[in-house]
Amino acid sequence: MSEANTSSAGSVRRWLVIGGLIIAAVVLIWWLWPTAAEKPQQPQGRRGAFGGPTPVRVATVEQGSFEVYAKALGTVTPLNTVNVRSRVAGELMEVRFDEGQRVKAGDLLAVIDPRPYKVALEQAEGTLQQNRALLQNAQVDLKRYQGLFADDSIAKQTLDTQQALVNQYQGTLAANQAAVNEAKLNLQFTEIRAPIDGRVGLRQLDQGNLVAANDTTPLVVITQTQPMAISFTLPESELPPVIARFRQGDELAAQAWDRGERTLFGEGVLESFDNLIDATTGTLKMKARFDNEAELLIPNQFVNVRLRVETLQDAMLIPSAALQYGSRGNYAYVVGDDSKVQLRVLEVGPSNGEQTVVINGLNVGERIVMEGTDRLRDGSEVEVVDPQKLAEEAAESPKVETQGRGGRPAQ
């Protein structure tokens, strides 16, 4: 009997402990639960989703200059590229350049063994000197024969034979002089010099290699990087204003951008274009010239080209995000003084992605809807939302949510 009483008393104590824990948890939740005054308030202007005015963001129609560009994909092409080869055969004795180095025309790049060509020059000069002496002797005999012939002491045939001998030595002397000049030229060719200004590439031959004259493998390739040209094509529908301005002598500016159109590589001018349109693509090939002072343009590089066709003055400009398109064409919602919107059909002009030119349908200074157009209809009431105010309210909202009952921070 005592054991049953002990078991019953233990069961009661367990239930008392469990009940106490549940009460403590409820009190703790009540203590940390934020009061109604401390609950975060919904930012003003958001009630449009549940009725009332629709919150929108607006922009103002502005007036200013707008640059019209024709865009195309272009390829960087150097004005000059030279494969440097040796004109004479021999051992490559010296390499006087570093890979990637910038060189000027006339700079010494490499040296071929000059000793065989010095020997050839000395041999040619010796032959020239020998024949020069023979010519001088023949000329002395010719003068003597002329005197004797005047005194009628020799026959005319003897004088003519001596004159022919002099002429023969003169021809031989000219050939010998040409051989000397050729030997000097070959000796000069043992010093390989840069033919143009530019930047050298990777070396193809090393010191000690035997080089053949006009070998198929060049010693190095020099590319002119300043200035640089970019070739691109434009469709024939965009050609009339470009060609008209170019024929008038106007300088059409061009820009080179990276593939993502985030980095500007340089600015140049339109230099020339082809004399016929490609019948298969309906495009005309053009070439722009860039100074490439920073050398950001590399041969065979693909870039995005923007050719400035014209500049529109006093154009009406709107953000491209405000432009809508429907069954009636391009349109935008204009916010009136009564906070109601009016649908306006627009006639638009060129666009650069961020701004669009409006030809007809809007007036400068009017407010147009940029965000929130999906819930609008013609005549809808709207509430203009200030983005800065929304950002401030969003920044303050987390501070309110972290306060618990009694001013204690929520855990």
Protein backbone atom coordinates (compact mmCIF):
# COMPACT_ATOMS: atom_id res chain seq x y z
CA MET A 1 0.00 0.00 0.00
CA SER A 2 2.85 2.35 0.77
CA GLU A 3 4.48 1.55 -2.59
CA ALA A 4 1.30 2.60 -4.46
CA ASN A 5 1.16 5.87 -2.56
CA THR A 6 4.81 6.56 -3.40
CA SER A 7 4.20 5.90 -7.13
CA SER A 8 1.15 8.20 -7.16
CA ALA A 9 3.07 11.02 -5.50
CA GLY A 10 5.92 10.72 -8.05
CA SER A 11 3.48 10.93 -10.95
CA VAL A 12 1.95 14.11 -9.56
CA ARG A 13 5.37 15.72 -9.21
CA ARG A 14 6.22 14.93 -12.84
CA TRP A 15 3.04 16.54 -14.05
CA LEU A 16 3.70 19.60 -11.90
CA VAL A 17 7.19 19.93 -13.41
CA ILE A 18 5.86 19.62 -16.99
CA GLY A 19 3.13 22.16 -16.29
CA GLY A 20 5.63 24.57 -14.82
CA LEU A 21 7.84 24.32 -17.91
CA ILE A 22 4.89 24.99 -20.22
CA ILE A 23 3.87 28.08 -18.20
CA ALA A 24 7.46 29.36 -18.24
CA ALA A 25 7.64 28.96 -22.04
CA VAL A 26 4.37 30.83 -22.54
CA VAL A 27 5.56 33.68 -20.29
CA LEU A 28 8.86 33.88 -22.20
CA ILE A 29 7.10 34.04 -25.57
CA TRP A 30 4.74 36.72 -24.27
CA TRP A 31 7.68 38.72 -22.97
CA LEU A 32 9.63 38.66 -26.23
CA TRP A 33 6.62 39.08 -28.55
CA PRO A 34 6.63 42.65 -30.06
CA THR A 35 3.73 44.87 -29.23
CA ALA A 36 1.49 46.41 -31.86
CA ALA A 37 3.31 49.72 -31.58
CA GLU A 38 6.63 48.01 -32.15
CA LYS A 39 5.55 45.96 -35.19
CA PRO A 40 7.18 47.13 -38.43
CA GLN A 41 4.95 49.40 -40.43
CA GLN A 42 4.29 48.69 -44.08
CA PRO A 43 5.96 51.41 -46.19
CA GLN A 44 3.58 53.96 -47.55
CA GLY A 45 2.70 53.64 -51.19
CA ARG A 46 2.57 49.81 -51.16
CA ARG A 47 -1.14 49.56 -50.49
CA GLY A 48 -1.88 49.72 -54.20
CA ALA A 49 -1.59 45.94 -54.45
CA PHE A 50 -4.61 45.61 -52.12
CA GLY A 51 -6.65 48.57 -53.38
CA GLY A 52 -6.30 52.32 -53.75
CA PRO A 53 -3.74 54.21 -55.88
CA THR A 54 -1.10 52.13 -57.65
CA PRO A 55 2.45 52.98 -56.54
CA VAL A 56 4.67 53.90 -59.47
CA ARG A 57 8.04 55.41 -60.18
CA VAL A 58 8.19 58.22 -62.69
CA ALA A 59 10.74 60.05 -64.85
CA THR A 60 10.59 63.46 -66.47
CA VAL A 61 10.74 64.04 -70.21
CA GLU A 62 13.97 65.93 -70.87
CA GLN A 63 15.39 67.85 -73.78
CA GLY A 64 19.00 67.65 -74.89
CA SER A 65 21.46 66.47 -77.50
CA PHE A 66 21.48 62.83 -78.57
CA GLU A 67 24.25 61.10 -80.47
CA VAL A 68 23.10 58.57 -83.06
CA TYR A 69 25.44 55.59 -83.46
CA ALA A 70 25.60 52.76 -85.96
CA LYS A 71 26.81 49.60 -84.25
CA ALA A 72 28.75 46.75 -85.80
CA LEU A 73 31.16 43.94 -84.98
CA GLY A 74 34.68 44.74 -86.14
CA THR A 75 38.08 43.09 -86.48
CA VAL A 76 41.33 44.82 -85.58
CA THR A 77 43.74 44.79 -88.53
CA PRO A 78 47.24 46.32 -88.49
CA LEU A 79 48.16 48.77 -91.23
CA ASN A 80 51.45 46.92 -91.81
CA THR A 81 52.71 43.46 -90.87
CA VAL A 82 56.21 42.31 -91.88
CA ASN A 83 57.72 38.83 -91.71
CA VAL A 84 61.41 39.54 -91.14
CA ARG A 85 63.59 37.09 -93.10
CA SER A 86 67.28 37.01 -93.93
CA ARG A 87 68.38 37.95 -97.45
CA VAL A 88 71.66 36.06 -97.11
CA ALA A 89 72.60 32.60 -95.84
CA GLY A 90 74.80 31.94 -92.85
CA GLU A 91 74.97 31.36 -89.13
CA LEU A 92 72.80 33.51 -86.87
CA MET A 93 75.45 35.14 -84.70
CA GLU A 94 73.44 37.64 -82.60
CA VAL A 95 69.83 38.39 -81.69
CA ARG A 96 69.47 42.02 -80.66
CA PHE A 97 65.79 42.23 -79.66
CA ASP A 98 63.53 41.05 -76.86
CA GLU A 99 60.22 39.36 -77.56
CA GLY A 100 57.38 41.88 -77.46
CA GLN A 101 59.77 44.82 -77.71
CA ARG A 102 58.76 47.96 -79.54
CA VAL A 103 61.21 48.84 -82.33
CA LYS A 104 61.70 51.65 -84.80
CA ALA A 105 62.53 51.42 -88.48
CA GLY A 106 66.29 50.83 -88.89
CA ASP A 107 66.87 49.23 -85.47
CA LEU A 108 69.30 46.29 -85.56
CA LEU A 109 67.46 43.02 -84.91
CA ALA A 110 69.99 40.28 -85.69
CA VAL A 111 73.43 39.65 -87.21
CA ILE A 112 74.37 36.91 -89.69
CA ASP A 113 78.02 35.76 -89.83
CA PRO A 114 79.61 38.49 -92.03
CA ARG A 115 83.03 36.90 -92.63
CA PRO A 116 82.25 35.08 -95.91
CA TYR A 117 80.78 38.26 -97.34
CA LYS A 118 83.79 40.34 -96.31
CA VAL A 119 86.02 37.89 -98.20
CA ALA A 120 83.76 38.10 -101.26
CA LEU A 121 83.93 41.90 -101.15
CA GLU A 122 87.75 41.88 -100.99
CA GLN A 123 87.88 39.48 -103.93
CA ALA A 124 85.58 41.67 -106.02
CA GLU A 125 87.59 44.78 -105.14
CA GLY A 126 90.83 43.00 -106.17
CA THR A 127 89.44 42.03 -109.56
CA LEU A 128 88.22 45.59 -110.04
CA GLN A 129 91.66 47.00 -109.28
CA GLN A 130 93.33 44.56 -111.71
CA ASN A 131 91.05 45.44 -114.60
CA ARG A 132 91.36 49.14 -113.82
CA ALA A 133 95.12 48.87 -114.37
CA LEU A 134 94.60 47.05 -117.66
CA LEU A 135 92.24 49.79 -118.79
CA GLN A 136 94.73 52.50 -117.95
CA ASN A 137 97.44 50.74 -119.95
CA ALA A 138 95.15 50.29 -122.94
CA GLN A 139 94.19 53.97 -122.81
CA VAL A 140 97.89 54.99 -122.86
CA ASP A 141 98.49 52.78 -125.92
CA LEU A 142 95.43 54.25 -127.58
CA LYS A 143 96.81 57.78 -127.25
CA ARG A 144 100.16 56.65 -128.66
CA TYR A 145 98.44 54.96 -131.65
CA GLN A 146 96.39 58.05 -132.32
CA GLY A 147 99.62 60.11 -132.61
CA LEU A 148 101.22 57.58 -134.89
CA PHE A 149 98.16 57.40 -137.06
CA ALA A 150 98.18 61.19 -137.39
CA ASP A 151 101.77 60.91 -138.71
CA ASP A 152 100.61 58.13 -141.06
CA SER A 153 102.96 55.69 -139.32
CA ILE A 154 100.42 52.92 -138.55
CA ALA A 155 97.41 51.47 -140.28
CA LYS A 156 93.86 52.47 -139.38
CA GLN A 157 93.09 48.86 -138.41
CA THR A 158 95.70 48.94 -135.62
CA LEU A 159 94.12 52.09 -134.17
CA ASP A 160 90.63 50.59 -134.33
CA THR A 161 91.80 47.39 -132.62
CA GLN A 162 93.28 49.37 -129.75
CA GLN A 163 90.08 51.42 -129.40
CA ALA A 164 88.05 48.21 -129.16
CA LEU A 165 90.38 46.89 -126.47
CA VAL A 166 89.86 50.03 -124.42
CA ASN A 167 86.08 49.68 -124.77
CA GLN A 168 86.31 46.03 -123.69
CA TYR A 169 88.23 46.93 -120.52
CA GLN A 170 85.73 49.66 -119.75
CA GLY A 171 82.87 47.13 -119.93
CA THR A 172 84.81 44.68 -117.75
CA LEU A 173 85.47 47.45 -115.25
CA ALA A 174 81.75 48.26 -115.06
CA ALA A 175 80.95 44.58 -114.39
CA ASN A 176 83.64 44.48 -111.72
CA GLN A 177 82.19 47.58 -110.08
CA ALA A 178 78.75 45.95 -110.04
CA ALA A 179 80.24 42.86 -108.38
CA VAL A 180 81.81 45.09 -105.73
CA ASN A 181 78.47 46.81 -105.11
CA GLU A 182 76.71 43.43 -104.83
CA ALA A 183 79.30 42.22 -102.32
CA LYS A 184 78.86 45.39 -100.26
CA LEU A 185 75.07 44.95 -100.36
CA ASN A 186 75.30 41.33 -99.20
CA LEU A 187 77.59 42.44 -96.40
CA GLN A 188 74.97 44.99 -95.33
CA PHE A 189 72.30 42.28 -95.43
CA THR A 190 74.17 40.39 -92.71
CA GLU A 191 72.75 43.03 -90.35
CA ILE A 192 69.00 42.46 -90.23
CA ARG A 193 67.21 45.71 -89.40
CA ALA A 194 63.58 46.55 -88.69
CA PRO A 195 61.84 47.74 -91.88
CA ILE A 196 58.97 49.50 -90.04
CA ASP A 197 58.02 50.89 -86.65
CA GLY A 198 56.08 48.39 -84.59
CA ARG A 199 56.16 45.68 -81.97
CA VAL A 200 57.98 42.40 -82.49
CA GLY A 201 56.37 39.08 -81.71
CA LEU A 202 57.86 35.81 -80.52
CA ARG A 203 61.30 34.81 -81.82
CA GLN A 204 61.20 31.95 -84.35
CA LEU A 205 64.97 31.28 -84.63
CA ASP A 206 67.65 31.15 -81.97
CA GLN A 207 71.28 32.18 -82.00
CA GLY A 208 73.54 29.58 -83.64
CA ASN A 209 71.00 28.36 -86.20
CA LEU A 210 71.91 28.24 -89.86
CA VAL A 211 69.73 30.63 -91.82
CA ALA A 212 68.94 30.31 -95.51
CA ALA A 213 68.29 33.28 -97.77
CA ASN A 214 64.56 34.05 -97.91
CA ASP A 215 63.82 31.11 -95.63
CA THR A 216 60.16 30.14 -95.19
CA THR A 217 60.47 30.51 -91.42
CA PRO A 218 60.77 34.20 -90.51
CA LEU A 219 63.12 35.37 -87.82
CA VAL A 220 60.31 37.39 -86.22
CA VAL A 221 57.09 39.16 -87.18
CA ILE A 222 56.76 42.92 -86.70
CA THR A 223 53.28 44.42 -86.44
CA GLN A 224 52.57 48.11 -86.66
CA THR A 225 50.36 48.90 -83.68
CA GLN A 226 50.21 52.70 -83.92
CA PRO A 227 48.05 53.58 -85.71
CA MET A 228 45.70 50.61 -86.02
CA ALA A 229 42.74 49.92 -88.29
CA ILE A 230 39.42 48.23 -87.55
CA SER A 231 37.38 46.65 -90.34
CA PHE A 232 33.62 46.32 -89.94
CA THR A 233 30.45 46.16 -92.05
CA LEU A 234 27.20 48.11 -92.03
CA PRO A 235 23.89 47.04 -93.58
CA GLU A 236 22.84 48.96 -96.66
CA SER A 237 19.80 50.39 -94.84
CA GLU A 238 22.13 52.41 -92.58
CA LEU A 239 24.47 53.61 -95.33
CA PRO A 240 22.81 56.77 -96.80
CA PRO A 241 23.51 59.18 -93.87
CA VAL A 242 26.99 57.73 -93.36
CA ILE A 243 28.02 58.03 -97.01
CA ALA A 244 26.43 61.47 -97.39
CA ARG A 245 28.39 62.92 -94.49
CA PHE A 246 31.60 61.19 -95.55
CA ARG A 247 31.31 62.56 -99.11
CA GLN A 248 30.81 66.05 -97.66
CA GLY A 249 34.16 65.77 -95.89
CA ASP A 250 32.73 65.39 -92.38
CA GLU A 251 34.83 63.47 -89.90
CA LEU A 252 32.79 60.55 -88.55
CA ALA A 253 34.00 59.48 -85.11
CA ALA A 254 34.23 55.80 -84.24
CA GLN A 255 34.60 54.03 -80.91
CA ALA A 256 35.98 50.56 -80.16
CA TRP A 257 34.48 48.69 -77.18
CA ASP A 258 35.06 45.24 -75.76
CA ARG A 259 32.61 42.42 -76.44
CA GLY A 260 30.59 43.30 -73.31
CA GLU A 261 30.60 47.02 -74.21
CA ARG A 262 32.01 47.89 -70.80
CA THR A 263 35.56 48.99 -71.68
CA LEU A 264 36.37 51.65 -74.27
CA PHE A 265 39.53 50.66 -76.13
CA GLY A 266 39.92 53.88 -78.08
CA GLU A 267 38.41 56.44 -80.43
CA GLY A 268 39.15 56.95 -84.10
CA VAL A 269 37.65 58.19 -87.36
CA LEU A 270 36.13 56.55 -90.42
CA GLU A 271 38.90 56.38 -93.03
CA SER A 272 37.44 54.58 -96.05
CA PHE A 273 34.91 52.05 -97.27
CA ASP A 274 34.64 49.53 -100.08
CA ASN A 275 33.35 50.38 -103.56
CA LEU A 276 30.68 47.67 -103.68
CA ILE A 277 28.11 46.03 -101.43
CA ASP A 278 28.43 42.34 -100.65
CA ALA A 279 25.48 40.80 -102.48
CA THR A 280 25.28 37.79 -100.14
CA THR A 281 25.00 39.80 -96.91
CA GLY A 282 23.78 43.20 -98.11
CA THR A 283 26.54 44.97 -96.19
CA LEU A 284 29.34 47.38 -97.06
CA LYS A 285 32.84 46.91 -95.65
CA MET A 286 34.33 49.93 -93.90
CA LYS A 287 37.60 50.77 -92.20
CA ALA A 288 38.22 53.12 -89.28
CA ARG A 289 41.62 54.40 -88.17
CA PHE A 290 42.63 54.49 -84.48
CA ASP A 291 45.75 56.05 -82.95
CA ASN A 292 45.84 53.22 -80.37
CA GLU A 293 48.02 55.22 -78.01
CA ALA A 294 47.39 52.81 -75.11
CA GLU A 295 47.91 49.80 -77.44
CA LEU A 296 44.74 48.13 -76.17
CA LEU A 297 43.84 47.08 -79.71
CA ILE A 298 45.55 43.84 -80.74
CA PRO A 299 45.58 42.47 -84.31
CA ASN A 300 42.75 39.99 -85.07
CA GLN A 301 40.85 41.11 -81.97
CA PHE A 302 37.05 41.25 -82.17
CA VAL A 303 35.54 44.51 -80.91
CA ASN A 304 32.22 46.31 -80.95
CA VAL A 305 32.32 49.41 -83.14
CA ARG A 306 30.11 52.44 -82.64
CA LEU A 307 30.13 54.84 -85.58
CA ARG A 308 28.72 58.27 -84.73
CA VAL A 309 26.38 59.08 -87.60
CA GLU A 310 24.92 62.38 -86.36
CA THR A 311 24.04 64.41 -83.27
CA LEU A 312 20.39 65.41 -82.71
CA GLN A 313 20.04 68.78 -80.99
CA ASP A 314 17.12 69.68 -78.67
CA ALA A 315 15.72 66.15 -78.85
CA MET A 316 13.02 64.91 -76.42
CA LEU A 317 14.54 62.11 -74.37
CA ILE A 318 12.91 59.52 -72.12
CA PRO A 319 14.34 56.48 -70.32
CA SER A 320 13.99 53.40 -72.49
CA ALA A 321 12.43 51.56 -69.54
CA ALA A 322 9.39 53.85 -69.73
CA LEU A 323 8.64 52.90 -73.34
CA GLN A 324 5.97 50.23 -73.74
CA TYR A 325 4.84 48.36 -76.83
CA GLY A 326 1.35 47.09 -77.56
CA SER A 327 -1.16 46.49 -80.33
CA ARG A 328 -1.27 50.23 -81.08
CA GLY A 329 2.52 50.53 -81.24
CA ASN A 330 4.83 52.33 -78.85
CA TYR A 331 3.21 54.09 -75.92
CA ALA A 332 3.85 55.43 -72.43
CA TYR A 333 1.78 56.37 -69.39
CA VAL A 334 1.79 60.10 -68.58
CA VAL A 335 1.01 61.13 -64.99
CA GLY A 336 -1.27 64.18 -64.81
CA ASP A 337 -1.70 66.77 -62.05
CA ASP A 338 -4.73 64.80 -60.77
CA SER A 339 -2.51 61.74 -60.13
CA LYS A 340 -4.18 59.85 -62.96
CA VAL A 341 -2.35 58.35 -65.91
CA GLN A 342 -3.06 58.88 -69.57
CA LEU A 343 -1.94 56.43 -72.25
CA ARG A 344 -0.06 58.22 -75.05
CA VAL A 345 0.83 56.63 -78.36
CA LEU A 346 4.37 57.74 -79.28
CA GLU A 347 6.43 58.16 -82.40
CA VAL A 348 9.97 57.26 -81.41
CA GLY A 349 13.36 57.72 -83.00
CA PRO A 350 16.78 56.18 -82.33
CA SER A 351 17.77 54.67 -78.99
CA ASN A 352 21.04 53.85 -77.27
CA GLY A 353 19.61 51.35 -74.80
CA GLU A 354 19.36 53.78 -71.89
CA GLN A 355 17.54 56.67 -73.57
CA THR A 356 15.11 56.87 -76.47
CA VAL A 357 14.30 59.85 -78.67
CA VAL A 358 10.60 60.74 -78.87
CA ILE A 359 9.59 62.49 -82.07
CA ASN A 360 5.93 63.03 -81.28
CA GLY A 361 3.48 62.33 -78.44
CA LEU A 362 5.11 63.95 -75.40
CA ASN A 363 6.05 67.38 -74.13
CA VAL A 364 9.19 68.38 -72.27
CA GLY A 365 8.66 68.33 -68.50
CA GLU A 366 5.85 65.76 -68.43
CA ARG A 367 6.12 62.83 -66.04
CA ILE A 368 5.99 59.31 -67.41
CA VAL A 369 5.75 56.00 -65.56
CA MET A 370 8.92 53.88 -65.40
CA GLU A 371 7.93 51.11 -62.97
CA GLY A 372 4.52 49.71 -62.12
CA THR A 373 3.03 49.79 -65.63
CA ASP A 374 1.80 46.18 -65.45
CA ARG A 375 -1.14 47.19 -63.19
CA LEU A 376 -2.07 50.39 -65.02
CA ARG A 377 -4.88 51.22 -67.38
CA ASP A 378 -5.76 54.49 -69.07
CA GLY A 379 -7.19 56.72 -66.31
CA SER A 380 -5.82 54.70 -63.38
CA GLU A 381 -5.04 56.58 -60.20
CA VAL A 382 -1.41 56.34 -59.11
CA GLU A 383 0.77 57.36 -56.23
CA VAL A 384 4.27 58.52 -57.12
CA VAL A 385 6.79 56.70 -54.95
CA ASP A 386 10.00 58.37 -53.93
CA PRO A 387 12.79 55.77 -54.26
CA GLN A 388 14.93 57.55 -51.67
CA LYS A 389 12.12 57.52 -49.11
CA LEU A 390 11.49 53.81 -49.70
CA ALA A 391 15.16 53.09 -49.18
CA GLU A 392 15.15 55.00 -45.90
CA GLU A 393 12.06 53.14 -44.67
CA ALA A 394 13.58 49.80 -45.65
CA ALA A 395 16.73 50.69 -43.72
CA GLU A 396 14.75 51.55 -40.58
CA SER A 397 12.45 48.50 -40.68
CA PRO A 398 14.99 45.94 -39.40
CA LYS A 399 15.72 48.12 -36.35
CA VAL A 400 12.04 48.05 -35.30
CA GLU A 401 11.75 44.28 -35.73
CA THR A 402 14.63 43.56 -33.37
CA GLN A 403 12.89 45.20 -30.36
CA GLY A 404 11.11 42.88 -27.94
CA ARG A 405 8.48 43.65 -25.29
CA GLY A 406 9.88 45.92 -22.62
CA GLY A 407 12.57 47.26 -24.88
CA ARG A 408 14.66 44.12 -24.68
CA PRO A 409 16.32 42.87 -27.84
CA ALA A 410 14.69 39.80 -29.32
CA GLN A 411 16.81 36.66 -29.06
